[in-house]
N, C-alpha and C. Protein backbone atom coordinates (compact mmCIF):
# COMPACT_ATOMS: atom_id res chain seq x y z
N MET A 1 103.45 122.03 139.13
CA MET A 1 104.27 121.62 138.02
C MET A 1 104.96 120.32 138.41
N ARG A 2 104.95 119.36 137.50
CA ARG A 2 105.59 118.08 137.75
C ARG A 2 107.05 118.16 137.32
N ALA A 3 107.87 117.28 137.88
CA ALA A 3 109.29 117.25 137.52
C ALA A 3 109.47 116.97 136.04
N ASN A 4 108.59 116.18 135.44
CA ASN A 4 108.71 115.87 134.02
C ASN A 4 108.43 117.07 133.13
N ASP A 5 107.79 118.10 133.68
CA ASP A 5 107.49 119.28 132.90
C ASP A 5 108.68 120.22 132.81
N LEU A 6 109.72 119.93 133.56
CA LEU A 6 110.89 120.80 133.57
C LEU A 6 111.94 120.28 132.61
N SER A 7 112.72 121.21 132.08
CA SER A 7 113.85 120.81 131.25
C SER A 7 114.90 120.17 132.13
N PRO A 8 115.84 119.42 131.54
CA PRO A 8 116.89 118.81 132.36
C PRO A 8 117.67 119.86 133.16
N ALA A 9 117.93 121.03 132.59
CA ALA A 9 118.66 122.08 133.30
C ALA A 9 117.86 122.56 134.51
N ASP A 10 116.55 122.71 134.34
CA ASP A 10 115.70 123.15 135.45
C ASP A 10 115.67 122.12 136.57
N ARG A 11 115.67 120.83 136.22
CA ARG A 11 115.65 119.78 137.25
C ARG A 11 116.98 119.74 138.00
N GLN A 12 118.03 120.27 137.40
CA GLN A 12 119.34 120.23 138.05
C GLN A 12 119.66 121.54 138.74
N GLY A 13 118.65 122.32 139.07
CA GLY A 13 118.88 123.50 139.89
C GLY A 13 118.77 124.81 139.13
N GLY A 14 118.47 124.77 137.85
CA GLY A 14 118.27 126.01 137.11
C GLY A 14 116.97 126.65 137.55
N THR A 15 116.68 127.79 137.02
CA THR A 15 115.47 128.51 137.39
C THR A 15 114.30 127.97 136.58
N ALA A 16 113.28 127.52 137.27
CA ALA A 16 112.09 127.01 136.60
C ALA A 16 111.10 128.14 136.41
N VAL A 17 110.53 128.20 135.25
CA VAL A 17 109.48 129.17 134.97
C VAL A 17 108.15 128.45 135.16
N PRO A 18 107.33 128.90 136.10
CA PRO A 18 106.05 128.22 136.35
C PRO A 18 105.24 128.11 135.06
N GLY A 19 104.70 126.91 134.83
CA GLY A 19 103.87 126.69 133.66
C GLY A 19 104.66 126.41 132.39
N ALA A 20 105.97 126.59 132.43
CA ALA A 20 106.78 126.34 131.24
C ALA A 20 106.97 124.84 131.07
N ARG A 21 106.90 124.39 129.86
CA ARG A 21 107.12 122.97 129.55
C ARG A 21 108.30 122.87 128.60
N ARG A 22 108.96 121.75 128.67
CA ARG A 22 110.08 121.58 127.75
C ARG A 22 109.52 121.32 126.36
N ALA A 23 110.28 121.73 125.38
CA ALA A 23 109.86 121.57 123.99
C ALA A 23 109.83 120.09 123.63
N ALA A 24 108.88 119.74 122.78
CA ALA A 24 108.80 118.35 122.31
C ALA A 24 110.04 118.03 121.50
N ALA A 25 110.47 116.79 121.61
CA ALA A 25 111.62 116.35 120.82
C ALA A 25 111.25 116.46 119.35
N PRO A 26 112.18 116.89 118.53
CA PRO A 26 111.87 117.00 117.10
C PRO A 26 111.54 115.62 116.52
N LEU A 27 110.64 115.60 115.56
CA LEU A 27 110.22 114.36 114.94
C LEU A 27 111.37 113.75 114.14
N TYR A 28 112.16 114.60 113.51
CA TYR A 28 113.28 114.15 112.68
C TYR A 28 114.56 114.83 113.12
N THR A 29 115.66 114.09 113.08
CA THR A 29 116.96 114.73 113.21
C THR A 29 117.25 115.41 111.87
N PRO A 30 118.23 116.29 111.82
CA PRO A 30 118.56 116.90 110.52
C PRO A 30 118.90 115.85 109.45
N ASP A 31 119.63 114.79 109.81
CA ASP A 31 119.95 113.73 108.84
C ASP A 31 118.70 112.99 108.38
N GLN A 32 117.81 112.70 109.31
CA GLN A 32 116.57 112.02 108.95
C GLN A 32 115.70 112.90 108.06
N ARG A 33 115.65 114.18 108.36
CA ARG A 33 114.87 115.11 107.53
C ARG A 33 115.43 115.13 106.11
N GLU A 34 116.76 115.14 106.00
CA GLU A 34 117.39 115.14 104.67
C GLU A 34 117.06 113.85 103.92
N ARG A 35 117.14 112.71 104.63
CA ARG A 35 116.80 111.44 103.98
C ARG A 35 115.33 111.41 103.59
N ARG A 36 114.47 111.92 104.47
CA ARG A 36 113.04 111.97 104.16
C ARG A 36 112.78 112.81 102.91
N ASP A 37 113.39 113.99 102.87
CA ASP A 37 113.15 114.91 101.76
C ASP A 37 113.73 114.41 100.44
N SER A 38 114.76 113.57 100.50
CA SER A 38 115.38 113.09 99.26
C SER A 38 114.86 111.72 98.83
N SER A 39 114.03 111.09 99.64
CA SER A 39 113.53 109.76 99.32
C SER A 39 112.36 109.81 98.34
N ALA A 40 112.44 109.00 97.32
CA ALA A 40 111.31 108.88 96.38
C ALA A 40 110.09 108.29 97.09
N TRP A 41 110.32 107.53 98.16
CA TRP A 41 109.22 106.91 98.88
C TRP A 41 108.37 107.93 99.62
N THR A 42 108.92 109.10 99.91
CA THR A 42 108.13 110.17 100.52
C THR A 42 107.03 110.61 99.55
N LEU A 43 107.39 110.77 98.29
CA LEU A 43 106.41 111.14 97.27
C LEU A 43 105.38 110.02 97.09
N VAL A 44 105.86 108.77 97.06
CA VAL A 44 104.95 107.63 96.91
C VAL A 44 103.92 107.64 98.04
N GLN A 45 104.38 107.84 99.27
CA GLN A 45 103.46 107.89 100.41
C GLN A 45 102.49 109.06 100.27
N GLY A 46 103.01 110.19 99.82
CA GLY A 46 102.17 111.38 99.65
C GLY A 46 101.10 111.21 98.59
N VAL A 47 101.35 110.36 97.60
CA VAL A 47 100.37 110.08 96.55
C VAL A 47 99.40 108.98 97.01
N LEU A 48 99.95 107.92 97.61
CA LEU A 48 99.10 106.80 98.01
C LEU A 48 98.12 107.14 99.12
N ALA A 49 98.52 107.97 100.05
CA ALA A 49 97.65 108.27 101.20
C ALA A 49 96.30 108.87 100.76
N PRO A 50 96.29 109.92 99.94
CA PRO A 50 94.97 110.45 99.54
C PRO A 50 94.20 109.50 98.62
N ILE A 51 94.91 108.73 97.81
CA ILE A 51 94.22 107.74 96.96
C ILE A 51 93.53 106.71 97.84
N GLN A 52 94.26 106.21 98.84
CA GLN A 52 93.66 105.24 99.75
C GLN A 52 92.46 105.85 100.48
N PHE A 53 92.56 107.12 100.86
CA PHE A 53 91.44 107.76 101.55
C PHE A 53 90.22 107.85 100.65
N LEU A 54 90.41 108.19 99.39
CA LEU A 54 89.28 108.25 98.44
C LEU A 54 88.66 106.87 98.25
N ILE A 55 89.51 105.85 98.13
CA ILE A 55 89.01 104.47 98.02
C ILE A 55 88.20 104.12 99.27
N PHE A 56 88.71 104.50 100.42
CA PHE A 56 88.00 104.27 101.69
C PHE A 56 86.61 104.90 101.67
N LEU A 57 86.53 106.17 101.24
CA LEU A 57 85.23 106.86 101.23
C LEU A 57 84.22 106.15 100.32
N VAL A 58 84.67 105.75 99.14
CA VAL A 58 83.79 105.03 98.21
C VAL A 58 83.36 103.70 98.83
N SER A 59 84.34 102.97 99.36
CA SER A 59 84.03 101.67 99.93
C SER A 59 83.12 101.79 101.14
N LEU A 60 83.39 102.76 102.00
CA LEU A 60 82.53 102.98 103.16
C LEU A 60 81.09 103.21 102.73
N THR A 61 80.92 104.02 101.72
CA THR A 61 79.57 104.29 101.20
C THR A 61 78.91 103.01 100.70
N LEU A 62 79.67 102.18 99.97
CA LEU A 62 79.11 100.94 99.44
C LEU A 62 78.78 99.94 100.55
N VAL A 63 79.64 99.85 101.54
CA VAL A 63 79.39 98.94 102.67
C VAL A 63 78.16 99.39 103.45
N LEU A 64 78.08 100.69 103.75
CA LEU A 64 76.92 101.21 104.48
C LEU A 64 75.63 101.01 103.66
N ARG A 65 75.73 101.20 102.36
CA ARG A 65 74.56 100.98 101.49
C ARG A 65 74.11 99.52 101.59
N TYR A 66 75.06 98.60 101.52
CA TYR A 66 74.70 97.18 101.63
C TYR A 66 74.04 96.90 102.98
N LEU A 67 74.63 97.39 104.05
CA LEU A 67 74.09 97.12 105.38
C LEU A 67 72.71 97.74 105.57
N ALA A 68 72.46 98.88 104.93
CA ALA A 68 71.17 99.56 105.08
C ALA A 68 70.09 98.94 104.20
N THR A 69 70.47 98.48 103.00
CA THR A 69 69.46 98.04 102.03
C THR A 69 69.56 96.57 101.64
N GLY A 70 70.71 95.96 101.86
CA GLY A 70 70.91 94.59 101.39
C GLY A 70 71.32 94.53 99.94
N ASP A 71 71.44 95.68 99.30
CA ASP A 71 71.81 95.74 97.88
C ASP A 71 73.31 96.05 97.73
N GLY A 72 73.86 95.54 96.64
CA GLY A 72 75.22 95.92 96.27
C GLY A 72 76.33 95.16 96.97
N VAL A 73 76.08 93.90 97.34
CA VAL A 73 77.09 93.14 98.05
C VAL A 73 78.36 92.95 97.21
N VAL A 74 78.21 92.73 95.93
CA VAL A 74 79.39 92.51 95.07
C VAL A 74 80.23 93.78 95.00
N ALA A 75 79.58 94.91 94.78
CA ALA A 75 80.32 96.18 94.72
C ALA A 75 81.01 96.47 96.05
N ALA A 76 80.31 96.25 97.15
CA ALA A 76 80.91 96.48 98.47
C ALA A 76 82.10 95.56 98.70
N THR A 77 81.94 94.29 98.35
CA THR A 77 83.02 93.32 98.54
C THR A 77 84.24 93.69 97.70
N ILE A 78 84.02 94.02 96.44
CA ILE A 78 85.15 94.42 95.58
C ILE A 78 85.81 95.67 96.14
N SER A 79 85.02 96.61 96.61
CA SER A 79 85.60 97.85 97.14
C SER A 79 86.47 97.59 98.38
N ILE A 80 86.06 96.64 99.21
CA ILE A 80 86.85 96.30 100.39
C ILE A 80 88.17 95.65 99.96
N MET A 81 88.11 94.81 98.95
CA MET A 81 89.34 94.18 98.45
C MET A 81 90.28 95.23 97.85
N VAL A 82 89.73 96.20 97.13
CA VAL A 82 90.55 97.27 96.56
C VAL A 82 91.15 98.11 97.69
N LYS A 83 90.34 98.45 98.69
CA LYS A 83 90.84 99.22 99.84
C LYS A 83 91.96 98.46 100.54
N THR A 84 91.79 97.15 100.71
CA THR A 84 92.81 96.34 101.37
C THR A 84 94.09 96.30 100.54
N GLY A 85 93.95 96.20 99.22
CA GLY A 85 95.13 96.25 98.34
C GLY A 85 95.87 97.57 98.47
N ALA A 86 95.12 98.67 98.52
CA ALA A 86 95.74 99.99 98.70
C ALA A 86 96.43 100.06 100.06
N LEU A 87 95.82 99.48 101.08
CA LEU A 87 96.43 99.45 102.41
C LEU A 87 97.75 98.69 102.38
N TYR A 88 97.75 97.51 101.77
CA TYR A 88 99.00 96.75 101.67
C TYR A 88 100.07 97.56 100.93
N ALA A 89 99.68 98.23 99.86
CA ALA A 89 100.66 99.03 99.09
C ALA A 89 101.25 100.14 99.96
N ILE A 90 100.41 100.84 100.70
CA ILE A 90 100.93 101.94 101.53
C ILE A 90 101.73 101.40 102.71
N MET A 91 101.37 100.23 103.23
CA MET A 91 102.14 99.65 104.33
C MET A 91 103.52 99.19 103.86
N ILE A 92 103.58 98.55 102.72
CA ILE A 92 104.87 98.06 102.21
C ILE A 92 105.77 99.24 101.86
N THR A 93 105.23 100.21 101.13
CA THR A 93 106.06 101.37 100.76
C THR A 93 106.40 102.21 101.99
N GLY A 94 105.50 102.23 102.97
CA GLY A 94 105.79 102.95 104.21
C GLY A 94 106.91 102.30 105.00
N ALA A 95 106.96 100.97 105.00
CA ALA A 95 108.06 100.27 105.68
C ALA A 95 109.38 100.57 104.98
N ILE A 96 109.36 100.61 103.66
CA ILE A 96 110.58 100.96 102.90
C ILE A 96 111.00 102.38 103.24
N TRP A 97 110.03 103.31 103.27
CA TRP A 97 110.31 104.70 103.62
C TRP A 97 110.92 104.79 105.01
N GLU A 98 110.32 104.08 105.96
CA GLU A 98 110.80 104.12 107.35
C GLU A 98 112.23 103.59 107.44
N LYS A 99 112.53 102.54 106.66
CA LYS A 99 113.89 101.99 106.64
C LYS A 99 114.87 103.03 106.09
N GLN A 100 114.49 103.72 105.02
CA GLN A 100 115.38 104.74 104.44
C GLN A 100 115.59 105.92 105.38
N VAL A 101 114.54 106.36 106.04
CA VAL A 101 114.62 107.56 106.86
C VAL A 101 115.17 107.26 108.25
N PHE A 102 114.69 106.20 108.88
CA PHE A 102 115.03 105.92 110.28
C PHE A 102 115.96 104.72 110.47
N GLY A 103 116.21 103.95 109.40
CA GLY A 103 117.08 102.79 109.51
C GLY A 103 116.39 101.57 110.08
N ARG A 104 115.06 101.58 110.17
CA ARG A 104 114.26 100.46 110.68
C ARG A 104 113.08 100.25 109.75
N TRP A 105 112.72 98.99 109.57
CA TRP A 105 111.59 98.70 108.70
C TRP A 105 110.29 99.19 109.30
N LEU A 106 110.13 99.07 110.57
CA LEU A 106 108.92 99.53 111.26
C LEU A 106 109.26 99.83 112.70
N PHE A 107 108.36 100.50 113.38
CA PHE A 107 108.45 100.79 114.80
C PHE A 107 109.63 101.69 115.18
N ALA A 108 109.99 102.61 114.27
CA ALA A 108 110.96 103.64 114.63
C ALA A 108 110.33 104.46 115.75
N PRO A 109 111.11 104.91 116.72
CA PRO A 109 110.52 105.63 117.86
C PRO A 109 109.60 106.78 117.46
N ALA A 110 109.92 107.51 116.42
CA ALA A 110 109.10 108.65 116.01
C ALA A 110 107.71 108.23 115.53
N PHE A 111 107.57 107.00 115.06
CA PHE A 111 106.29 106.52 114.53
C PHE A 111 105.84 105.22 115.18
N PHE A 112 106.31 104.97 116.39
CA PHE A 112 106.02 103.70 117.04
C PHE A 112 104.52 103.44 117.17
N TRP A 113 103.77 104.37 117.76
CA TRP A 113 102.34 104.13 118.00
C TRP A 113 101.53 104.14 116.72
N GLU A 114 101.97 104.90 115.73
CA GLU A 114 101.30 104.87 114.43
C GLU A 114 101.47 103.47 113.81
N ASP A 115 102.68 102.91 113.96
CA ASP A 115 102.93 101.57 113.42
C ASP A 115 102.17 100.50 114.19
N VAL A 116 102.04 100.65 115.50
CA VAL A 116 101.27 99.69 116.29
C VAL A 116 99.82 99.67 115.80
N VAL A 117 99.22 100.83 115.66
CA VAL A 117 97.83 100.89 115.19
C VAL A 117 97.74 100.42 113.74
N SER A 118 98.76 100.70 112.94
CA SER A 118 98.79 100.20 111.56
C SER A 118 98.72 98.68 111.52
N MET A 119 99.37 98.02 112.47
CA MET A 119 99.31 96.56 112.52
C MET A 119 97.89 96.07 112.82
N LEU A 120 97.18 96.79 113.69
CA LEU A 120 95.78 96.46 113.96
C LEU A 120 94.94 96.65 112.69
N VAL A 121 95.16 97.76 112.01
CA VAL A 121 94.43 98.04 110.77
C VAL A 121 94.67 96.92 109.76
N LEU A 122 95.93 96.56 109.60
CA LEU A 122 96.30 95.50 108.66
C LEU A 122 95.68 94.16 109.08
N ALA A 123 95.71 93.86 110.37
CA ALA A 123 95.15 92.60 110.86
C ALA A 123 93.64 92.53 110.59
N LEU A 124 92.93 93.62 110.83
CA LEU A 124 91.48 93.60 110.61
C LEU A 124 91.14 93.49 109.12
N HIS A 125 91.87 94.21 108.28
CA HIS A 125 91.64 94.09 106.83
C HIS A 125 91.94 92.67 106.36
N THR A 126 93.04 92.11 106.86
CA THR A 126 93.41 90.75 106.48
C THR A 126 92.39 89.75 106.99
N ALA A 127 91.88 89.95 108.20
CA ALA A 127 90.83 89.08 108.74
C ALA A 127 89.61 89.09 107.82
N TYR A 128 89.28 90.25 107.28
CA TYR A 128 88.16 90.32 106.34
C TYR A 128 88.44 89.43 105.12
N LEU A 129 89.65 89.57 104.56
CA LEU A 129 89.99 88.77 103.37
C LEU A 129 89.94 87.28 103.68
N VAL A 130 90.45 86.88 104.84
CA VAL A 130 90.42 85.47 105.23
C VAL A 130 88.97 85.01 105.39
N ALA A 131 88.15 85.79 106.06
CA ALA A 131 86.74 85.44 106.24
C ALA A 131 86.04 85.31 104.89
N LEU A 132 86.36 86.20 103.98
CA LEU A 132 85.76 86.15 102.64
C LEU A 132 86.23 84.89 101.91
N ALA A 133 87.53 84.64 101.91
CA ALA A 133 88.07 83.49 101.18
C ALA A 133 87.58 82.16 101.76
N ARG A 134 87.40 82.09 103.07
CA ARG A 134 86.97 80.86 103.74
C ARG A 134 85.46 80.79 103.94
N ASP A 135 84.78 81.84 103.52
CA ASP A 135 83.33 81.95 103.67
C ASP A 135 82.91 81.81 105.14
N PHE A 136 83.71 82.47 106.01
CA PHE A 136 83.38 82.49 107.45
C PHE A 136 82.33 83.55 107.70
N GLY A 137 81.36 83.23 108.53
CA GLY A 137 80.35 84.20 108.93
C GLY A 137 79.40 84.54 107.81
N SER A 138 78.49 85.43 108.14
CA SER A 138 77.52 85.89 107.15
C SER A 138 78.11 87.05 106.34
N GLU A 139 77.45 87.37 105.26
CA GLU A 139 77.88 88.52 104.46
C GLU A 139 77.82 89.79 105.30
N ALA A 140 76.73 89.96 106.04
CA ALA A 140 76.60 91.14 106.90
C ALA A 140 77.67 91.15 107.98
N GLY A 141 77.98 90.00 108.56
CA GLY A 141 79.03 89.91 109.58
C GLY A 141 80.38 90.34 109.03
N ARG A 142 80.67 89.93 107.81
CA ARG A 142 81.93 90.35 107.17
C ARG A 142 81.94 91.85 106.91
N MET A 143 80.79 92.40 106.56
CA MET A 143 80.72 93.85 106.33
C MET A 143 80.95 94.61 107.64
N TRP A 144 80.44 94.08 108.74
CA TRP A 144 80.70 94.70 110.04
C TRP A 144 82.18 94.60 110.40
N LEU A 145 82.81 93.50 110.03
CA LEU A 145 84.26 93.37 110.23
C LEU A 145 84.99 94.42 109.40
N ALA A 146 84.55 94.63 108.18
CA ALA A 146 85.15 95.67 107.35
C ALA A 146 84.98 97.04 107.99
N LEU A 147 83.81 97.30 108.58
CA LEU A 147 83.61 98.58 109.26
C LEU A 147 84.53 98.74 110.46
N ALA A 148 84.79 97.65 111.18
CA ALA A 148 85.75 97.71 112.29
C ALA A 148 87.15 98.03 111.74
N ALA A 149 87.51 97.41 110.64
CA ALA A 149 88.79 97.70 110.00
C ALA A 149 88.85 99.18 109.59
N TYR A 150 87.74 99.68 109.05
CA TYR A 150 87.70 101.07 108.61
C TYR A 150 87.78 102.04 109.79
N ALA A 151 87.15 101.69 110.89
CA ALA A 151 87.23 102.54 112.08
C ALA A 151 88.68 102.63 112.56
N SER A 152 89.38 101.50 112.57
CA SER A 152 90.79 101.53 112.99
C SER A 152 91.62 102.32 111.99
N TYR A 153 91.27 102.24 110.71
CA TYR A 153 91.97 103.02 109.67
C TYR A 153 91.80 104.52 109.92
N VAL A 154 90.60 104.94 110.30
CA VAL A 154 90.35 106.37 110.56
C VAL A 154 91.23 106.84 111.73
N VAL A 155 91.31 106.04 112.77
CA VAL A 155 92.17 106.39 113.91
C VAL A 155 93.62 106.51 113.44
N ASN A 156 94.08 105.55 112.66
CA ASN A 156 95.46 105.54 112.18
C ASN A 156 95.73 106.73 111.25
N ALA A 157 94.78 107.04 110.38
CA ALA A 157 94.95 108.19 109.49
C ALA A 157 95.06 109.47 110.31
N ALA A 158 94.25 109.59 111.36
CA ALA A 158 94.32 110.76 112.24
C ALA A 158 95.69 110.84 112.91
N GLN A 159 96.23 109.71 113.35
CA GLN A 159 97.56 109.70 113.96
C GLN A 159 98.60 110.27 112.98
N PHE A 160 98.54 109.83 111.74
CA PHE A 160 99.52 110.29 110.76
C PHE A 160 99.31 111.76 110.41
N LEU A 161 98.07 112.22 110.36
CA LEU A 161 97.83 113.64 110.10
C LEU A 161 98.37 114.51 111.23
N ILE A 162 98.23 114.03 112.46
CA ILE A 162 98.78 114.77 113.60
C ILE A 162 100.30 114.83 113.51
N LYS A 163 100.94 113.72 113.12
CA LYS A 163 102.40 113.71 112.96
C LYS A 163 102.83 114.62 111.82
N LEU A 164 102.08 114.62 110.73
CA LEU A 164 102.40 115.49 109.60
C LEU A 164 102.32 116.95 110.03
N ARG A 165 101.30 117.30 110.79
CA ARG A 165 101.17 118.66 111.29
C ARG A 165 102.33 119.01 112.23
N ALA A 166 102.69 118.07 113.10
CA ALA A 166 103.80 118.30 114.03
C ALA A 166 105.10 118.53 113.26
N ALA A 167 105.32 117.75 112.22
CA ALA A 167 106.53 117.93 111.41
C ALA A 167 106.54 119.30 110.74
N ARG A 168 105.39 119.73 110.25
CA ARG A 168 105.31 121.05 109.62
C ARG A 168 105.53 122.17 110.62
N LEU A 169 104.97 122.02 111.82
CA LEU A 169 105.15 123.04 112.85
C LEU A 169 106.61 123.12 113.29
N GLN A 170 107.29 122.00 113.37
CA GLN A 170 108.70 122.01 113.75
C GLN A 170 109.57 122.62 112.68
N ARG A 171 109.12 122.55 111.44
CA ARG A 171 109.89 123.10 110.32
C ARG A 171 109.65 124.59 110.15
N ALA A 172 108.47 125.08 110.59
CA ALA A 172 108.09 126.47 110.36
C ALA A 172 108.97 127.40 111.22
N PRO A 173 109.36 128.55 110.66
CA PRO A 173 110.12 129.52 111.44
C PRO A 173 109.29 130.04 112.61
N ALA A 174 109.94 130.34 113.72
CA ALA A 174 109.23 130.84 114.92
C ALA A 174 108.44 132.08 114.57
N GLY A 175 107.24 132.16 115.09
CA GLY A 175 106.39 133.31 114.87
C GLY A 175 105.53 133.20 113.64
N LEU A 176 105.78 132.20 112.76
CA LEU A 176 105.00 132.06 111.55
C LEU A 176 104.07 130.86 111.60
N VAL A 177 103.92 130.27 112.76
CA VAL A 177 103.10 129.07 112.89
C VAL A 177 101.65 129.48 113.15
N ALA A 178 100.78 128.98 112.29
CA ALA A 178 99.35 129.22 112.49
C ALA A 178 98.74 128.00 113.13
N SER A 179 97.87 128.19 114.10
CA SER A 179 97.25 127.04 114.77
C SER A 179 96.07 126.56 114.00
């Protein structure tokens, strides 16, 4: 057992239980939870996230179809622009939500790594738009850039789903948590 696996009391001479780990810090303080639950931006995020995911699935299909067949470049391009617009909407409203709940526009400790990866997602989507507007690279090259943006989006979405699950587990009464 490492010293970091012990609670502060155990490190100061209390009785350590082998294999016991200290509980994870709660995602929200009671005040933050109250602000989260009362914020209209929580609902906005809850609506935008699945909409963005559906847009992603449609766009991914169109991009893959173009790369496989060479057909449908206009539909794929429009779908990427729509996906990027949805991303910007969720990022802006998410920053507002984070400010209301945590008092910071971005990079609150509870969501620091999610926000870091979100910046990568945003940068790759924006790079696609710049490449499209400036006609940089080939059409296929831009589609591969979009796929890189989408891969980072999948990682980021997984991060947020893990945080959502953690928040639900912390809220659930002891003994009622299903894995």
